[in-house]
Protein backbone atom coordinates (compact mmCIF):
# COMPACT_ATOMS: atom_id res chain seq x y z
CA MET A 1 63.66 37.13 -170.05
CA SER A 2 60.30 35.98 -168.74
CA VAL A 3 57.02 37.44 -169.90
CA ILE A 4 54.50 38.25 -167.20
CA GLU A 5 50.96 37.64 -168.34
CA ARG A 6 48.50 40.09 -166.88
CA PRO A 7 44.90 39.00 -166.42
CA ILE A 8 42.56 40.86 -168.73
CA GLY A 9 39.66 42.78 -167.29
CA GLU A 10 36.01 41.91 -167.78
CA GLU A 11 35.48 44.71 -170.29
CA GLN A 12 38.53 43.68 -172.32
CA ALA A 13 37.42 40.04 -172.27
CA THR A 14 33.99 41.07 -173.53
CA ARG A 15 35.55 43.01 -176.40
CA LEU A 16 37.82 40.11 -177.28
CA LEU A 17 34.88 37.70 -177.35
CA ALA A 18 32.88 40.10 -179.51
CA ALA A 19 35.78 40.40 -181.96
CA ILE A 20 36.06 36.60 -182.21
CA VAL A 21 32.33 36.25 -182.84
CA GLU A 22 32.31 38.91 -185.56
CA SER A 23 35.35 37.48 -187.35
CA SER A 24 34.07 33.90 -187.31
CA GLU A 25 33.35 32.19 -190.63
CA ASP A 26 30.48 30.35 -188.95
CA ALA A 27 27.15 31.84 -188.00
CA ILE A 28 27.04 32.46 -184.24
CA VAL A 29 23.58 33.16 -182.89
CA SER A 30 22.17 33.42 -179.38
CA LYS A 31 18.50 33.19 -178.49
CA THR A 32 16.17 32.88 -175.54
CA LEU A 33 14.61 29.59 -174.53
CA ASP A 34 11.51 30.76 -176.38
CA GLY A 35 13.53 31.03 -179.59
CA ILE A 36 13.82 34.84 -179.77
CA VAL A 37 17.10 35.92 -181.34
CA THR A 38 19.31 38.06 -179.07
CA SER A 39 22.51 38.23 -181.17
CA TRP A 40 23.39 37.68 -184.82
CA ASN A 41 26.92 37.93 -186.20
CA LYS A 42 28.21 38.88 -189.68
CA ALA A 43 28.56 35.29 -190.78
CA ALA A 44 24.91 34.67 -189.90
CA GLU A 45 23.97 37.62 -192.14
CA ARG A 46 25.98 36.11 -195.00
CA ILE A 47 24.71 32.54 -194.55
CA PHE A 48 21.03 33.25 -193.93
CA GLY A 49 20.60 36.55 -195.78
CA TYR A 50 19.01 38.46 -192.88
CA THR A 51 20.77 41.40 -191.26
CA ALA A 52 21.16 41.56 -187.49
CA ALA A 53 18.56 44.37 -187.41
CA GLU A 54 16.08 42.10 -189.19
CA MET A 55 16.59 39.13 -186.88
CA VAL A 56 17.35 40.36 -183.36
CA GLY A 57 14.10 40.32 -181.39
CA ARG A 58 12.39 37.99 -183.88
CA PRO A 59 11.82 34.22 -183.63
CA ILE A 60 14.51 31.90 -184.95
CA SER A 61 11.68 29.83 -186.46
CA LEU A 62 11.83 32.21 -189.45
CA LEU A 63 14.65 29.97 -190.67
CA ALA A 64 12.61 26.76 -190.45
CA PRO A 65 12.06 25.06 -193.81
CA PRO A 66 8.45 24.47 -194.90
CA GLY A 67 6.87 21.43 -193.30
CA ASP A 68 9.30 21.16 -190.39
CA THR A 69 8.55 24.08 -188.09
CA ASP A 70 8.63 21.85 -184.99
CA GLU A 71 12.29 20.89 -185.35
CA ILE A 72 13.62 24.10 -183.82
CA ALA A 73 11.20 23.72 -180.89
CA ARG A 74 12.50 20.18 -180.33
CA ILE A 75 16.10 21.42 -180.27
CA LEU A 76 15.20 24.16 -177.76
CA HIS A 77 13.47 21.58 -175.58
CA ARG A 78 16.69 19.56 -175.45
CA ILE A 79 18.61 22.69 -174.51
CA LYS A 80 16.16 23.38 -171.66
CA GLU A 81 16.93 19.88 -170.39
CA GLY A 82 20.64 20.79 -170.26
CA GLU A 83 21.67 18.84 -173.38
CA ARG A 84 24.21 19.98 -175.94
CA VAL A 85 23.36 19.31 -179.59
CA GLU A 86 26.53 18.61 -181.60
CA HIS A 87 27.22 18.15 -185.32
CA TYR A 88 23.52 18.15 -186.14
CA GLU A 89 22.89 18.32 -189.90
CA THR A 90 19.61 19.77 -191.09
CA GLU A 91 18.04 22.30 -193.48
CA ARG A 92 17.32 25.99 -193.04
CA ARG A 93 15.58 28.56 -195.23
CA ARG A 94 17.37 31.75 -196.24
CA LYS A 95 15.68 35.12 -196.59
CA ASP A 96 15.49 34.60 -200.37
CA GLY A 97 13.62 31.33 -199.83
CA ARG A 98 16.49 29.08 -200.84
CA ILE A 99 16.88 25.96 -198.72
CA ILE A 100 20.44 25.32 -197.54
CA GLN A 101 22.14 22.47 -195.72
CA VAL A 102 23.65 23.42 -192.36
CA ALA A 103 25.60 21.72 -189.57
CA LEU A 104 24.61 22.97 -186.10
CA THR A 105 26.10 22.88 -182.63
CA VAL A 106 23.73 24.26 -180.00
CA SER A 107 24.73 24.75 -176.36
CA PRO A 108 22.87 26.00 -173.25
CA ILE A 109 23.64 29.50 -171.95
CA ARG A 110 23.75 29.64 -168.16
CA ASP A 111 23.64 32.60 -165.77
CA GLN A 112 25.78 33.04 -162.69
CA ALA A 113 23.44 30.79 -160.75
CA GLU A 114 23.94 28.03 -163.37
CA ARG A 115 20.37 28.36 -164.56
CA ILE A 116 19.79 27.81 -168.28
CA VAL A 117 18.61 31.12 -169.70
CA GLY A 118 19.16 30.73 -173.42
CA ALA A 119 20.91 28.90 -176.24
CA SER A 120 24.02 29.59 -178.30
CA LYS A 121 24.14 28.21 -181.83
CA ILE A 122 27.05 27.80 -184.21
CA ALA A 123 25.92 27.07 -187.79
CA ARG A 124 27.99 26.21 -190.86
CA ASP A 125 26.67 26.17 -194.42
CA ILE A 126 27.54 22.73 -195.81
CA SER A 127 25.47 22.96 -198.99
CA GLU A 128 28.49 22.98 -201.31
CA THR A 129 30.12 20.16 -199.39
CA LYS A 130 26.93 18.11 -199.64
CA LEU A 131 26.66 18.77 -203.38
CA THR A 132 30.30 17.86 -203.92
CA THR A 133 29.93 14.69 -201.84
CA ALA A 134 26.76 13.72 -203.69
CA ALA A 135 28.40 14.34 -207.08
CA LEU A 136 31.44 12.31 -206.04
CA SER A 137 29.24 9.46 -204.80
CA GLU A 138 27.32 9.51 -208.08
CA LYS A 139 30.54 9.36 -210.10
CA GLU A 140 31.87 6.54 -207.93
CA ALA A 141 28.62 4.61 -208.32
CA HIS A 142 28.71 5.17 -212.10
CA LEU A 143 32.32 4.05 -212.32
CA SER A 144 31.59 1.04 -210.13
CA SER A 145 28.67 0.01 -212.34
CA ILE A 146 30.88 0.28 -215.43
CA LEU A 147 33.65 -1.77 -213.86
CA GLU A 148 31.15 -4.41 -212.77
CA THR A 149 29.76 -4.84 -216.28
CA ILE A 150 32.78 -4.61 -218.58
CA PRO A 151 34.28 -7.99 -219.57
CA ASP A 152 37.78 -6.92 -218.49
CA GLY A 153 39.12 -7.49 -215.00
CA MET A 154 40.69 -4.54 -213.20
CA VAL A 155 43.37 -4.44 -210.52
CA VAL A 156 44.89 -1.30 -208.97
CA ILE A 157 48.31 -1.45 -207.31
CA ASP A 158 50.53 1.13 -205.65
CA GLU A 159 54.18 1.81 -206.39
CA HIS A 160 55.15 -0.98 -203.97
CA CYS A 161 53.12 -3.49 -206.04
CA ILE A 162 50.50 -3.86 -203.31
CA ILE A 163 46.95 -4.48 -204.55
CA GLN A 164 44.57 -1.65 -203.62
CA SER A 165 41.48 -2.64 -205.62
CA PHE A 166 40.25 -5.82 -207.31
CA SER A 167 37.12 -5.80 -209.47
CA ALA A 168 34.36 -8.42 -209.52
CA THR A 169 35.41 -9.54 -213.01
CA ALA A 170 38.97 -10.01 -211.75
CA GLU A 171 37.57 -12.11 -208.91
CA ARG A 172 35.84 -14.41 -211.40
CA MET A 173 38.89 -14.44 -213.65
CA PHE A 174 41.45 -15.47 -211.00
CA GLY A 175 39.23 -17.22 -208.46
CA PHE A 176 40.32 -14.97 -205.59
CA THR A 177 38.03 -12.59 -203.71
CA ALA A 178 39.02 -8.94 -203.33
CA GLN A 179 39.41 -9.55 -199.59
CA GLU A 180 41.94 -12.31 -200.29
CA VAL A 181 44.19 -10.21 -202.53
CA CYS A 182 43.91 -6.58 -201.37
CA GLY A 183 46.95 -5.65 -199.30
CA ARG A 184 49.09 -8.36 -200.91
CA ASN A 185 51.68 -8.19 -203.70
CA VAL A 186 50.21 -8.41 -207.19
CA ASN A 187 52.83 -11.02 -208.14
CA MET A 188 50.61 -13.60 -206.40
CA LEU A 189 48.54 -13.55 -209.61
CA MET A 190 51.53 -14.64 -211.74
CA PRO A 191 53.31 -17.97 -212.19
CA SER A 192 57.09 -18.34 -211.97
CA PRO A 193 59.36 -16.96 -213.32
CA TYR A 194 57.25 -13.82 -213.87
CA ARG A 195 56.35 -13.69 -210.17
CA GLU A 196 59.96 -13.32 -209.07
CA GLY A 197 60.79 -10.65 -211.66
CA HIS A 198 57.74 -8.38 -211.40
CA ASP A 199 58.88 -6.16 -208.51
CA SER A 200 62.23 -5.46 -210.16
CA TYR A 201 60.42 -4.34 -213.31
CA ILE A 202 58.37 -1.79 -211.35
CA ALA A 203 61.49 -0.64 -209.50
CA ARG A 204 63.34 -0.22 -212.81
CA TYR A 205 60.45 1.75 -214.30
CA LEU A 206 60.26 4.07 -211.27
CA ALA A 207 64.02 4.66 -211.45
CA THR A 208 64.46 5.02 -215.23
CA GLY A 209 61.01 5.54 -216.76
CA GLU A 210 61.64 2.61 -219.11
CA ARG A 211 58.29 1.23 -220.30
CA ARG A 212 57.70 -2.41 -221.12
CA ILE A 213 54.00 -2.78 -220.42
CA ILE A 214 52.80 0.53 -218.94
CA GLY A 215 51.01 2.49 -221.62
CA LEU A 216 51.81 -0.19 -224.21
CA GLY A 217 50.03 -3.42 -223.38
CA ARG A 218 51.02 -7.01 -224.10
CA VAL A 219 50.00 -10.64 -223.68
CA VAL A 220 51.13 -12.14 -220.34
CA THR A 221 50.40 -15.23 -218.28
CA GLY A 222 48.17 -15.21 -215.19
CA GLN A 223 47.65 -17.82 -212.53
CA HIS A 224 44.34 -18.96 -211.09
CA LYS A 225 43.84 -19.59 -207.40
CA ASP A 226 44.07 -23.34 -208.11
CA GLY A 227 47.52 -22.86 -209.67
CA SER A 228 46.53 -23.30 -213.32
CA THR A 229 47.73 -20.68 -215.78
CA PHE A 230 45.97 -18.81 -218.56
CA PRO A 231 46.82 -16.15 -221.15
CA ILE A 232 45.91 -12.50 -220.45
CA GLU A 233 45.87 -9.41 -222.61
CA LEU A 234 47.12 -6.74 -220.20
CA ALA A 235 46.96 -2.94 -220.53
CA VAL A 236 48.38 -0.81 -217.70
CA GLY A 237 47.79 2.88 -217.02
CA GLU A 238 49.44 5.17 -214.49
CA VAL A 239 48.06 8.00 -212.38
CA ARG A 240 49.78 10.29 -209.90
CA THR A 241 47.80 11.44 -206.87
CA GLY A 242 48.93 13.16 -203.70
CA GLY A 243 52.60 12.60 -204.50
CA HIS A 244 52.04 8.87 -205.01
CA ARG A 245 51.60 6.67 -208.06
CA LEU A 246 48.90 4.13 -208.76
CA PHE A 247 48.91 1.64 -211.61
CA THR A 248 45.65 0.29 -213.05
CA GLY A 249 45.74 -2.93 -214.99
CA PHE A 250 42.90 -3.98 -217.30
CA MET A 251 43.00 -7.70 -218.07
CA ARG A 252 41.18 -9.76 -220.67
CA ASP A 253 41.19 -13.56 -220.47
CA LEU A 254 42.37 -14.89 -223.85
CA THR A 255 41.67 -18.55 -223.06
CA GLU A 256 38.57 -18.80 -225.25
CA ARG A 257 40.11 -16.74 -228.02
CA GLN A 258 43.21 -18.90 -228.18
CA ARG A 259 41.08 -22.07 -228.01
CA THR A 260 39.03 -20.76 -230.94
CA LEU A 261 42.18 -19.94 -232.91
CA ARG A 262 43.54 -23.42 -232.31
CA ARG A 263 40.26 -24.95 -233.45
CA LEU A 264 40.28 -22.79 -236.59
CA GLN A 265 43.82 -23.95 -237.35
CA GLU A 266 42.76 -27.56 -236.88
CA LEU A 267 39.80 -27.06 -239.22
CA GLN A 268 42.04 -25.42 -241.81
CA PHE A 269 44.40 -28.38 -241.62
CA GLU A 270 41.50 -30.82 -241.95
CA LEU A 271 40.10 -28.91 -244.94
CA SER A 272 43.51 -28.87 -246.57
CA HIS A 273 43.82 -32.60 -246.01
CA VAL A 274 40.36 -33.25 -247.45
CA SER A 275 41.17 -31.03 -250.38
CA ARG A 276 44.35 -33.02 -251.13
CA LEU A 277 42.43 -36.30 -250.89
CA THR A 278 39.78 -34.93 -253.23
CA GLU A 279 42.41 -33.89 -255.76
CA MET A 280 44.05 -37.33 -255.55
CA GLY A 281 40.65 -38.98 -256.08
CA GLN A 282 40.00 -36.87 -259.12
CA MET A 283 43.42 -37.74 -260.56
CA ALA A 284 42.84 -41.45 -259.95
CA SER A 285 39.44 -41.27 -261.62
CA ALA A 286 40.94 -39.55 -264.67
CA LEU A 287 43.62 -42.23 -265.01
CA VAL A 288 41.10 -45.05 -264.78
CA HIS A 289 39.01 -43.38 -267.48
CA ARG A 290 41.99 -43.15 -269.83
CA LEU A 291 42.93 -46.76 -269.21
């Protein structure tokens, strides 16, 4: 059974458009080319704090923030030239004086003769989004500064063992740049036979939950870019995000520590040897004295 669509009349179309404007979550405002407000929807009342009765017939420049009253005039000038202003981020002042961040799209309004007679503006309050973005950027910058200064290297891999992130300390530790390793399997940082067995360990963990390093930590062997190996103290954490898993490994190069331990053992052996020689010398001296 086919449905016959009947064209709506002009009056019905006008009502439909009015209903859409009033139900919009974005402020929808129309104004003359001189900046006098001619319409003001409910969302505009909520975002800017002025009622339609307070704004219709008054200049839109009431929303201009202090020190930038010419910006609205510049936008209207562009509209007069037939331009469309899209995704324009700026500031506006609410009735209570609070400055908010808004994203604007402003389009020319034309009459039947295609003459530009006004401007239609759609405005969205992006203050919370801006604050959230700024807070996130600050946290990322803080985390980045921490990761750049701690002595441990950091590598982040996904559940397929593909490197997603490689810190500056890890770069110095292994000799690879982040660009060289990101997108490649983390087993490239390991010598044989650990390289060949690493993926099966991750697969076994994902299938059974059996932990051997994750959440426990252990000493493993890493491989420099030049092929030489070195001891690493490795601690691995897991995080689930968006239905996926990421594994973060923190690595500490134990080369100097093990070199120091070996030197201490050598010194202890030398001291023990000297001590035995000293005791033998004392015994010999005592015998000579008796003789």
